[in-house]
Amino acid sequence: MASNNRPMSAMESRDKTYFEQQREALIGEIAMNFEHVLANINKLNRSLEAVITVGNEFSSVEALWSQFENVMAKEEDAGKQAEQPKPQQPEGGRAPES
């Protein structure tokens, strides 16, 4: 650490190397791109919240249609059972021989 005893002002006053300039430019570009990513994530989050809100508005309609479907299914099952003929017994009360 003895070689690093120069005052800070001397280090700050020297010209930046090409590497340091490129590094700063790339760091600035990365920071800007991160800001764009963050803005787009926030926009996506707002869009998802809007979709969820619209979906929640339809929950009562969905519940009503589900109830209607269940009632219709029960009536259909009851109607099928009423239409099915009862198995007929042959005359004499015995099952036919095969």
PDB file of N, CA and C in Angstrom:
ATOM      1  N   MET A   1       0.802  -1.186   0.000  1.00  0.00           N
ATOM      2  CA  MET A   1       0.000   0.000   0.000  1.00  0.00           C
ATOM      3  C   MET A   1       0.852   1.260   0.000  1.00  0.00           C
ATOM      4  N   ALA A   2       2.153   1.102   0.093  1.00  0.00           N
ATOM      5  CA  ALA A   2       3.039   2.250   0.108  1.00  0.00           C
ATOM      6  C   ALA A   2       3.001   2.989  -1.215  1.00  0.00           C
ATOM      7  N   SER A   3       2.749   2.295  -2.309  1.00  0.00           N
ATOM      8  CA  SER A   3       2.713   2.937  -3.613  1.00  0.00           C
ATOM      9  C   SER A   3       1.454   3.763  -3.807  1.00  0.00           C
ATOM     10  N   ASN A   4       0.474   3.597  -2.948  1.00  0.00           N
ATOM     11  CA  ASN A   4      -0.795   4.280  -3.096  1.00  0.00           C
ATOM     12  C   ASN A   4      -0.903   5.454  -2.121  1.00  0.00           C
ATOM     13  N   ASN A   5       0.228   6.050  -1.756  1.00  0.00           N
ATOM     14  CA  ASN A   5       0.225   7.151  -0.798  1.00  0.00           C
ATOM     15  C   ASN A   5       0.031   8.506  -1.466  1.00  0.00           C
ATOM     16  N   ARG A   6      -0.182   8.542  -2.751  1.00  0.00           N
ATOM     17  CA  ARG A   6      -0.386   9.822  -3.426  1.00  0.00           C
ATOM     18  C   ARG A   6      -1.714  10.416  -2.996  1.00  0.00           C
ATOM     19  N   PRO A   7      -1.801  11.722  -2.972  1.00  0.00           N
ATOM     20  CA  PRO A   7      -3.067  12.342  -2.612  1.00  0.00           C
ATOM     21  C   PRO A   7      -4.153  12.026  -3.638  1.00  0.00           C
ATOM     22  N   MET A   8      -5.399  12.019  -3.200  1.00  0.00           N
ATOM     23  CA  MET A   8      -6.538  11.698  -4.056  1.00  0.00           C
ATOM     24  C   MET A   8      -6.661  12.678  -5.209  1.00  0.00           C
ATOM     25  N   SER A   9      -6.343  13.936  -4.979  1.00  0.00           N
ATOM     26  CA  SER A   9      -6.504  14.938  -6.027  1.00  0.00           C
ATOM     27  C   SER A   9      -5.597  14.642  -7.220  1.00  0.00           C
ATOM     28  N   ALA A  10      -4.448  14.087  -6.987  1.00  0.00           N
ATOM     29  CA  ALA A  10      -3.538  13.746  -8.081  1.00  0.00           C
ATOM     30  C   ALA A  10      -4.128  12.615  -8.907  1.00  0.00           C
ATOM     31  N   MET A  11      -4.808  11.649  -8.265  1.00  0.00           N
ATOM     32  CA  MET A  11      -5.405  10.538  -8.998  1.00  0.00           C
ATOM     33  C   MET A  11      -6.621  11.010  -9.792  1.00  0.00           C
ATOM     34  N   GLU A  12      -7.385  11.936  -9.230  1.00  0.00           N
ATOM     35  CA  GLU A  12      -8.581  12.414  -9.900  1.00  0.00           C
ATOM     36  C   GLU A  12      -8.238  13.311 -11.073  1.00  0.00           C
ATOM     37  N   SER A  13      -7.113  14.030 -10.998  1.00  0.00           N
ATOM     38  CA  SER A  13      -6.777  15.001 -12.032  1.00  0.00           C
ATOM     39  C   SER A  13      -6.195  14.339 -13.282  1.00  0.00           C
ATOM     40  N   ARG A  14      -5.672  13.136 -13.170  1.00  0.00           N
ATOM     41  CA  ARG A  14      -5.085  12.499 -14.348  1.00  0.00           C
ATOM     42  C   ARG A  14      -6.173  12.125 -15.349  1.00  0.00           C
ATOM     43  N   ASP A  15      -5.836  12.014 -16.613  1.00  0.00           N
ATOM     44  CA  ASP A  15      -6.791  11.655 -17.654  1.00  0.00           C
ATOM     45  C   ASP A  15      -7.186  10.194 -17.507  1.00  0.00           C
ATOM     46  N   LYS A  16      -8.429   9.929 -17.865  1.00  0.00           N
ATOM     47  CA  LYS A  16      -8.919   8.551 -17.783  1.00  0.00           C
ATOM     48  C   LYS A  16      -8.403   7.768 -18.987  1.00  0.00           C
ATOM     49  N   THR A  17      -8.070   6.517 -18.733  1.00  0.00           N
ATOM     50  CA  THR A  17      -7.601   5.662 -19.823  1.00  0.00           C
ATOM     51  C   THR A  17      -8.782   5.271 -20.701  1.00  0.00           C
ATOM     52  N   TYR A  18      -8.471   4.735 -21.860  1.00  0.00           N
ATOM     53  CA  TYR A  18      -9.506   4.281 -22.788  1.00  0.00           C
ATOM     54  C   TYR A  18     -10.392   3.226 -22.125  1.00  0.00           C
ATOM     55  N   PHE A  19      -9.788   2.325 -21.376  1.00  0.00           N
ATOM     56  CA  PHE A  19     -10.544   1.284 -20.670  1.00  0.00           C
ATOM     57  C   PHE A  19     -11.532   1.902 -19.697  1.00  0.00           C
ATOM     58  N   GLU A  20     -11.077   2.887 -18.913  1.00  0.00           N
ATOM     59  CA  GLU A  20     -11.952   3.519 -17.929  1.00  0.00           C
ATOM     60  C   GLU A  20     -13.106   4.266 -18.602  1.00  0.00           C
ATOM     61  N   GLN A  21     -12.797   4.926 -19.724  1.00  0.00           N
ATOM     62  CA  GLN A  21     -13.849   5.626 -20.461  1.00  0.00           C
ATOM     63  C   GLN A  21     -14.900   4.642 -20.983  1.00  0.00           C
ATOM     64  N   GLN A  22     -14.433   3.550 -21.570  1.00  0.00           N
ATOM     65  CA  GLN A  22     -15.360   2.544 -22.097  1.00  0.00           C
ATOM     66  C   GLN A  22     -16.168   1.893 -20.971  1.00  0.00           C
ATOM     67  N   ARG A  23     -15.492   1.642 -19.847  1.00  0.00           N
ATOM     68  CA  ARG A  23     -16.183   1.050 -18.706  1.00  0.00           C
ATOM     69  C   ARG A  23     -17.293   1.963 -18.214  1.00  0.00           C
ATOM     70  N   GLU A  24     -17.011   3.258 -18.084  1.00  0.00           N
ATOM     71  CA  GLU A  24     -18.031   4.203 -17.635  1.00  0.00           C
ATOM     72  C   GLU A  24     -19.179   4.293 -18.635  1.00  0.00           C
ATOM     73  N   ALA A  25     -18.846   4.277 -19.920  1.00  0.00           N
ATOM     74  CA  ALA A  25     -19.898   4.336 -20.944  1.00  0.00           C
ATOM     75  C   ALA A  25     -20.780   3.091 -20.869  1.00  0.00           C
ATOM     76  N   LEU A  26     -20.164   1.932 -20.701  1.00  0.00           N
ATOM     77  CA  LEU A  26     -20.939   0.689 -20.610  1.00  0.00           C
ATOM     78  C   LEU A  26     -21.759   0.634 -19.326  1.00  0.00           C
ATOM     79  N   ILE A  27     -21.213   1.095 -18.229  1.00  0.00           N
ATOM     80  CA  ILE A  27     -21.956   1.120 -16.967  1.00  0.00           C
ATOM     81  C   ILE A  27     -23.164   2.044 -17.105  1.00  0.00           C
ATOM     82  N   GLY A  28     -22.973   3.188 -17.750  1.00  0.00           N
ATOM     83  CA  GLY A  28     -24.093   4.107 -17.986  1.00  0.00           C
ATOM     84  C   GLY A  28     -25.158   3.473 -18.860  1.00  0.00           C
ATOM     85  N   GLU A  29     -24.743   2.771 -19.903  1.00  0.00           N
ATOM     86  CA  GLU A  29     -25.697   2.094 -20.802  1.00  0.00           C
ATOM     87  C   GLU A  29     -26.444   0.981 -20.070  1.00  0.00           C
ATOM     88  N   ILE A  30     -25.727   0.231 -19.246  1.00  0.00           N
ATOM     89  CA  ILE A  30     -26.368  -0.840 -18.461  1.00  0.00           C
ATOM     90  C   ILE A  30     -27.386  -0.246 -17.496  1.00  0.00           C
ATOM     91  N   ALA A  31     -27.022   0.848 -16.830  1.00  0.00           N
ATOM     92  CA  ALA A  31     -27.949   1.494 -15.899  1.00  0.00           C
ATOM     93  C   ALA A  31     -29.202   1.973 -16.627  1.00  0.00           C
ATOM     94  N   MET A  32     -29.022   2.553 -17.814  1.00  0.00           N
ATOM     95  CA  MET A  32     -30.171   3.019 -18.600  1.00  0.00           C
ATOM     96  C   MET A  32     -31.052   1.842 -19.018  1.00  0.00           C
ATOM     97  N   ASN A  33     -30.435   0.736 -19.420  1.00  0.00           N
ATOM     98  CA  ASN A  33     -31.209  -0.443 -19.812  1.00  0.00           C
ATOM     99  C   ASN A  33     -31.955  -1.046 -18.629  1.00  0.00           C
ATOM    100  N   PHE A  34     -31.338  -1.012 -17.453  1.00  0.00           N
ATOM    101  CA  PHE A  34     -32.032  -1.482 -16.254  1.00  0.00           C
ATOM    102  C   PHE A  34     -33.254  -0.618 -15.960  1.00  0.00           C
ATOM    103  N   GLU A  35     -33.129   0.687 -16.179  1.00  0.00           N
ATOM    104  CA  GLU A  35     -34.276   1.575 -15.980  1.00  0.00           C
ATOM    105  C   GLU A  35     -35.402   1.237 -16.954  1.00  0.00           C
ATOM    106  N   HIS A  36     -35.046   0.928 -18.213  1.00  0.00           N
ATOM    107  CA  HIS A  36     -36.056   0.526 -19.195  1.00  0.00           C
ATOM    108  C   HIS A  36     -36.722  -0.785 -18.787  1.00  0.00           C
ATOM    109  N   VAL A  37     -35.926  -1.726 -18.320  1.00  0.00           N
ATOM    110  CA  VAL A  37     -36.481  -3.010 -17.878  1.00  0.00           C
ATOM    111  C   VAL A  37     -37.431  -2.800 -16.705  1.00  0.00           C
ATOM    112  N   LEU A  38     -37.037  -1.985 -15.756  1.00  0.00           N
ATOM    113  CA  LEU A  38     -37.886  -1.703 -14.601  1.00  0.00           C
ATOM    114  C   LEU A  38     -39.190  -1.035 -15.036  1.00  0.00           C
ATOM    115  N   ALA A  39     -39.109  -0.079 -15.954  1.00  0.00           N
ATOM    116  CA  ALA A  39     -40.319   0.591 -16.449  1.00  0.00           C
ATOM    117  C   ALA A  39     -41.242  -0.408 -17.149  1.00  0.00           C
ATOM    118  N   ASN A  40     -40.665  -1.306 -17.943  1.00  0.00           N
ATOM    119  CA  ASN A  40     -41.486  -2.300 -18.648  1.00  0.00           C
ATOM    120  C   ASN A  40     -42.092  -3.317 -17.689  1.00  0.00           C
ATOM    121  N   ILE A  41     -41.361  -3.681 -16.650  1.00  0.00           N
ATOM    122  CA  ILE A  41     -41.916  -4.598 -15.643  1.00  0.00           C
ATOM    123  C   ILE A  41     -43.076  -3.932 -14.917  1.00  0.00           C
ATOM    124  N   ASN A  42     -42.939  -2.655 -14.605  1.00  0.00           N
ATOM    125  CA  ASN A  42     -44.038  -1.931 -13.960  1.00  0.00           C
ATOM    126  C   ASN A  42     -45.254  -1.856 -14.876  1.00  0.00           C
ATOM    127  N   LYS A  43     -45.011  -1.632 -16.174  1.00  0.00           N
ATOM    128  CA  LYS A  43     -46.114  -1.586 -17.137  1.00  0.00           C
ATOM    129  C   LYS A  43     -46.803  -2.951 -17.229  1.00  0.00           C
ATOM    130  N   LEU A  44     -46.016  -4.012 -17.256  1.00  0.00           N
ATOM    131  CA  LEU A  44     -46.571  -5.367 -17.285  1.00  0.00           C
ATOM    132  C   LEU A  44     -47.379  -5.643 -16.027  1.00  0.00           C
ATOM    133  N   ASN A  45     -46.879  -5.227 -14.879  1.00  0.00           N
ATOM    134  CA  ASN A  45     -47.580  -5.431 -13.615  1.00  0.00           C
ATOM    135  C   ASN A  45     -48.932  -4.724 -13.631  1.00  0.00           C
ATOM    136  N   ARG A  46     -48.967  -3.486 -14.131  1.00  0.00           N
ATOM    137  CA  ARG A  46     -50.238  -2.766 -14.211  1.00  0.00           C
ATOM    138  C   ARG A  46     -51.199  -3.466 -15.157  1.00  0.00           C
ATOM    139  N   SER A  47     -50.699  -3.987 -16.270  1.00  0.00           N
ATOM    140  CA  SER A  47     -51.558  -4.695 -17.217  1.00  0.00           C
ATOM    141  C   SER A  47     -52.121  -5.971 -16.600  1.00  0.00           C
ATOM    142  N   LEU A  48     -51.289  -6.708 -15.880  1.00  0.00           N
ATOM    143  CA  LEU A  48     -51.764  -7.924 -15.219  1.00  0.00           C
ATOM    144  C   LEU A  48     -52.804  -7.610 -14.158  1.00  0.00           C
ATOM    145  N   GLU A  49     -52.596  -6.529 -13.418  1.00  0.00           N
ATOM    146  CA  GLU A  49     -53.588  -6.135 -12.426  1.00  0.00           C
ATOM    147  C   GLU A  49     -54.909  -5.778 -13.084  1.00  0.00           C
ATOM    148  N   ALA A  50     -54.856  -5.122 -14.251  1.00  0.00           N
ATOM    149  CA  ALA A  50     -56.084  -4.771 -14.970  1.00  0.00           C
ATOM    150  C   ALA A  50     -56.794  -6.032 -15.457  1.00  0.00           C
ATOM    151  N   VAL A  51     -56.040  -6.999 -15.953  1.00  0.00           N
ATOM    152  CA  VAL A  51     -56.642  -8.256 -16.418  1.00  0.00           C
ATOM    153  C   VAL A  51     -57.301  -8.986 -15.257  1.00  0.00           C
ATOM    154  N   ILE A  52     -56.638  -9.029 -14.125  1.00  0.00           N
ATOM    155  CA  ILE A  52     -57.197  -9.700 -12.940  1.00  0.00           C
ATOM    156  C   ILE A  52     -58.469  -8.993 -12.486  1.00  0.00           C
ATOM    157  N   THR A  53     -58.468  -7.670 -12.524  1.00  0.00           N
ATOM    158  CA  THR A  53     -59.651  -6.905 -12.132  1.00  0.00           C
ATOM    159  C   THR A  53     -60.824  -7.222 -13.041  1.00  0.00           C
ATOM    160  N   VAL A  54     -60.578  -7.251 -14.347  1.00  0.00           N
ATOM    161  CA  VAL A  54     -61.649  -7.577 -15.296  1.00  0.00           C
ATOM    162  C   VAL A  54     -62.124  -9.004 -15.058  1.00  0.00           C
ATOM    163  N   GLY A  55     -61.208  -9.924 -14.828  1.00  0.00           N
ATOM    164  CA  GLY A  55     -61.583 -11.313 -14.559  1.00  0.00           C
ATOM    165  C   GLY A  55     -62.431 -11.440 -13.303  1.00  0.00           C
ATOM    166  N   ASN A  56     -62.094 -10.681 -12.278  1.00  0.00           N
ATOM    167  CA  ASN A  56     -62.865 -10.733 -11.035  1.00  0.00           C
ATOM    168  C   ASN A  56     -64.275 -10.186 -11.220  1.00  0.00           C
ATOM    169  N   GLU A  57     -64.450  -9.273 -12.156  1.00  0.00           N
ATOM    170  CA  GLU A  57     -65.775  -8.732 -12.417  1.00  0.00           C
ATOM    171  C   GLU A  57     -66.705  -9.793 -13.003  1.00  0.00           C
ATOM    172  N   PHE A  58     -66.158 -10.800 -13.626  1.00  0.00           N
ATOM    173  CA  PHE A  58     -66.956 -11.856 -14.238  1.00  0.00           C
ATOM    174  C   PHE A  58     -67.193 -13.038 -13.309  1.00  0.00           C
ATOM    175  N   SER A  59     -66.698 -12.987 -12.101  1.00  0.00           N
ATOM    176  CA  SER A  59     -66.839 -14.131 -11.197  1.00  0.00           C
ATOM    177  C   SER A  59     -68.297 -14.409 -10.854  1.00  0.00           C
ATOM    178  N   SER A  60     -69.093 -13.368 -10.664  1.00  0.00           N
ATOM    179  CA  SER A  60     -70.509 -13.597 -10.350  1.00  0.00           C
ATOM    180  C   SER A  60     -71.241 -14.197 -11.545  1.00  0.00           C
ATOM    181  N   VAL A  61     -70.907 -13.763 -12.750  1.00  0.00           N
ATOM    182  CA  VAL A  61     -71.524 -14.321 -13.956  1.00  0.00           C
ATOM    183  C   VAL A  61     -71.123 -15.782 -14.111  1.00  0.00           C
ATOM    184  N   GLU A  62     -69.862 -16.083 -13.844  1.00  0.00           N
ATOM    185  CA  GLU A  62     -69.387 -17.462 -13.946  1.00  0.00           C
ATOM    186  C   GLU A  62     -70.104 -18.352 -12.934  1.00  0.00           C
ATOM    187  N   ALA A  63     -70.304 -17.839 -11.731  1.00  0.00           N
ATOM    188  CA  ALA A  63     -70.991 -18.626 -10.704  1.00  0.00           C
ATOM    189  C   ALA A  63     -72.430 -18.906 -11.118  1.00  0.00           C
ATOM    190  N   LEU A  64     -73.079 -17.918 -11.704  1.00  0.00           N
ATOM    191  CA  LEU A  64     -74.457 -18.098 -12.154  1.00  0.00           C
ATOM    192  C   LEU A  64     -74.539 -19.137 -13.267  1.00  0.00           C
ATOM    193  N   TRP A  65     -73.624 -19.077 -14.235  1.00  0.00           N
ATOM    194  CA  TRP A  65     -73.626 -20.052 -15.323  1.00  0.00           C
ATOM    195  C   TRP A  65     -73.296 -21.456 -14.797  1.00  0.00           C
ATOM    196  N   SER A  66     -72.413 -21.553 -13.838  1.00  0.00           N
ATOM    197  CA  SER A  66     -72.093 -22.864 -13.258  1.00  0.00           C
ATOM    198  C   SER A  66     -73.315 -23.460 -12.574  1.00  0.00           C
ATOM    199  N   GLN A  67     -74.030 -22.626 -11.853  1.00  0.00           N
ATOM    200  CA  GLN A  67     -75.240 -23.098 -11.178  1.00  0.00           C
ATOM    201  C   GLN A  67     -76.267 -23.545 -12.211  1.00  0.00           C
ATOM    202  N   PHE A  68     -76.439 -22.776 -13.273  1.00  0.00           N
ATOM    203  CA  PHE A  68     -77.365 -23.135 -14.352  1.00  0.00           C
ATOM    204  C   PHE A  68     -76.957 -24.460 -14.990  1.00  0.00           C
ATOM    205  N   GLU A  69     -75.677 -24.620 -15.242  1.00  0.00           N
ATOM    206  CA  GLU A  69     -75.176 -25.855 -15.856  1.00  0.00           C
ATOM    207  C   GLU A  69     -75.443 -27.058 -14.954  1.00  0.00           C
ATOM    208  N   ASN A  70     -75.228 -26.893 -13.662  1.00  0.00           N
ATOM    209  CA  ASN A  70     -75.468 -27.989 -12.719  1.00  0.00           C
ATOM    210  C   ASN A  70     -76.944 -28.366 -12.680  1.00  0.00           C
ATOM    211  N   VAL A  71     -77.829 -27.375 -12.686  1.00  0.00           N
ATOM    212  CA  VAL A  71     -79.267 -27.655 -12.678  1.00  0.00           C
ATOM    213  C   VAL A  71     -79.664 -28.379 -13.957  1.00  0.00           C
ATOM    214  N   MET A  72     -79.165 -27.917 -15.100  1.00  0.00           N
ATOM    215  CA  MET A  72     -79.513 -28.540 -16.373  1.00  0.00           C
ATOM    216  C   MET A  72     -78.970 -29.969 -16.435  1.00  0.00           C
ATOM    217  N   ALA A  73     -77.802 -30.213 -15.887  1.00  0.00           N
ATOM    218  CA  ALA A  73     -77.226 -31.554 -15.904  1.00  0.00           C
ATOM    219  C   ALA A  73     -78.061 -32.493 -15.049  1.00  0.00           C
ATOM    220  N   LYS A  74     -78.538 -32.021 -13.918  1.00  0.00           N
ATOM    221  CA  LYS A  74     -79.377 -32.863 -13.056  1.00  0.00           C
ATOM    222  C   LYS A  74     -80.691 -33.190 -13.745  1.00  0.00           C
ATOM    223  N   GLU A  75     -81.307 -32.206 -14.401  1.00  0.00           N
ATOM    224  CA  GLU A  75     -82.561 -32.447 -15.107  1.00  0.00           C
ATOM    225  C   GLU A  75     -82.353 -33.422 -16.263  1.00  0.00           C
ATOM    226  N   GLU A  76     -81.232 -33.305 -16.958  1.00  0.00           N
ATOM    227  CA  GLU A  76     -80.932 -34.199 -18.076  1.00  0.00           C
ATOM    228  C   GLU A  76     -80.747 -35.628 -17.586  1.00  0.00           C
ATOM    229  N   ASP A  77     -80.037 -35.796 -16.462  1.00  0.00           N
ATOM    230  CA  ASP A  77     -79.844 -37.131 -15.891  1.00  0.00           C
ATOM    231  C   ASP A  77     -81.180 -37.726 -15.449  1.00  0.00           C
ATOM    232  N   ALA A  78     -82.024 -36.910 -14.844  1.00  0.00           N
ATOM    233  CA  ALA A  78     -83.337 -37.391 -14.401  1.00  0.00           C
ATOM    234  C   ALA A  78     -84.191 -37.773 -15.609  1.00  0.00           C
ATOM    235  N   GLY A  79     -84.093 -37.012 -16.678  1.00  0.00           N
ATOM    236  CA  GLY A  79     -84.849 -37.313 -17.893  1.00  0.00           C
ATOM    237  C   GLY A  79     -84.374 -38.599 -18.545  1.00  0.00           C
ATOM    238  N   LYS A  80     -83.099 -38.865 -18.561  1.00  0.00           N
ATOM    239  CA  LYS A  80     -82.561 -40.098 -19.150  1.00  0.00           C
ATOM    240  C   LYS A  80     -82.995 -41.316 -18.344  1.00  0.00           C
ATOM    241  N   GLN A  81     -82.990 -41.169 -17.038  1.00  0.00           N
ATOM    242  CA  GLN A  81     -83.397 -42.300 -16.194  1.00  0.00           C
ATOM    243  C   GLN A  81     -84.871 -42.598 -16.383  1.00  0.00           C
ATOM    244  N   ALA A  82     -85.688 -41.587 -16.603  1.00  0.00           N
ATOM    245  CA  ALA A  82     -87.123 -41.799 -16.795  1.00  0.00           C
ATOM    246  C   ALA A  82     -87.391 -42.432 -18.160  1.00  0.00           C
ATOM    247  N   GLU A  83     -86.579 -42.147 -19.154  1.00  0.00           N
ATOM    248  CA  GLU A  83     -86.783 -42.672 -20.505  1.00  0.00           C
ATOM    249  C   GLU A  83     -86.331 -44.116 -20.647  1.00  0.00           C
ATOM    250  N   GLN A  84     -85.403 -44.565 -19.833  1.00  0.00           N
ATOM    251  CA  GLN A  84     -84.876 -45.917 -19.974  1.00  0.00           C
ATOM    252  C   GLN A  84     -85.963 -46.932 -19.606  1.00  0.00           C
ATOM    253  N   PRO A  85     -86.221 -47.877 -20.516  1.00  0.00           N
ATOM    254  CA  PRO A  85     -87.228 -48.901 -20.195  1.00  0.00           C
ATOM    255  C   PRO A  85     -86.670 -49.873 -19.163  1.00  0.00           C
ATOM    256  N   LYS A  86     -87.558 -50.363 -18.330  1.00  0.00           N
ATOM    257  CA  LYS A  86     -87.146 -51.337 -17.327  1.00  0.00           C
ATOM    258  C   LYS A  86     -86.955 -52.668 -18.032  1.00  0.00           C
ATOM    259  N   PRO A  87     -85.969 -53.456 -17.618  1.00  0.00           N
ATOM    260  CA  PRO A  87     -85.769 -54.759 -18.262  1.00  0.00           C
ATOM    261  C   PRO A  87     -87.019 -55.626 -18.070  1.00  0.00           C
ATOM    262  N   GLN A  88     -87.440 -56.211 -19.176  1.00  0.00           N
ATOM    263  CA  GLN A  88     -88.669 -57.008 -19.125  1.00  0.00           C
ATOM    264  C   GLN A  88     -88.351 -58.444 -18.760  1.00  0.00           C
ATOM    265  N   GLN A  89     -89.183 -58.984 -17.902  1.00  0.00           N
ATOM    266  CA  GLN A  89     -89.073 -60.383 -17.512  1.00  0.00           C
ATOM    267  C   GLN A  89     -89.866 -61.203 -18.531  1.00  0.00           C
ATOM    268  N   PRO A  90     -89.319 -62.286 -18.989  1.00  0.00           N
ATOM    269  CA  PRO A  90     -90.108 -63.132 -19.883  1.00  0.00           C
ATOM    270  C   PRO A  90     -91.283 -63.747 -19.136  1.00  0.00           C
ATOM    271  N   GLU A  91     -92.276 -64.086 -19.897  1.00  0.00           N
ATOM    272  CA  GLU A  91     -93.463 -64.674 -19.272  1.00  0.00           C
ATOM    273  C   GLU A  91     -93.075 -65.955 -18.573  1.00  0.00           C
ATOM    274  N   GLY A  92     -93.624 -66.161 -17.450  1.00  0.00           N
ATOM    275  CA  GLY A  92     -93.297 -67.330 -16.664  1.00  0.00           C
ATOM    276  C   GLY A  92     -92.338 -67.013 -15.557  1.00  0.00           C
ATOM    277  N   GLY A  93     -91.755 -65.818 -15.575  1.00  0.00           N
ATOM    278  CA  GLY A  93     -90.932 -65.372 -14.474  1.00  0.00           C
ATOM    279  C   GLY A  93     -89.513 -65.919 -14.498  1.00  0.00           C
ATOM    280  N   ARG A  94     -89.117 -66.676 -15.538  1.00  0.00           N
ATOM    281  CA  ARG A  94     -87.767 -67.204 -15.582  1.00  0.00           C
ATOM    282  C   ARG A  94     -86.945 -66.480 -16.640  1.00  0.00           C
ATOM    283  N   ALA A  95     -85.680 -66.387 -16.378  1.00  0.00           N
ATOM    284  CA  ALA A  95     -84.779 -65.771 -17.336  1.00  0.00           C
ATOM    285  C   ALA A  95     -84.576 -66.692 -18.507  1.00  0.00           C
ATOM    286  N   PRO A  96     -84.428 -66.178 -19.710  1.00  0.00           N
ATOM    287  CA  PRO A  96     -84.230 -67.050 -20.888  1.00  0.00           C
ATOM    288  C   PRO A  96     -82.907 -67.777 -20.807  1.00  0.00           C
ATOM    289  N   GLU A  97     -82.889 -68.970 -21.309  1.00  0.00           N
ATOM    290  CA  GLU A  97     -81.660 -69.771 -21.303  1.00  0.00           C
ATOM    291  C   GLU A  97     -80.871 -69.463 -22.537  1.00  0.00           C
ATOM    292  N   SER A  98     -79.558 -69.398 -22.398  1.00  0.00           N
ATOM    293  CA  SER A  98     -78.711 -69.104 -23.541  1.00  0.00           C
ATOM    294  C   SER A  98     -78.111 -70.319 -24.117  1.00  0.00           C
TER     295      SER A  98
END
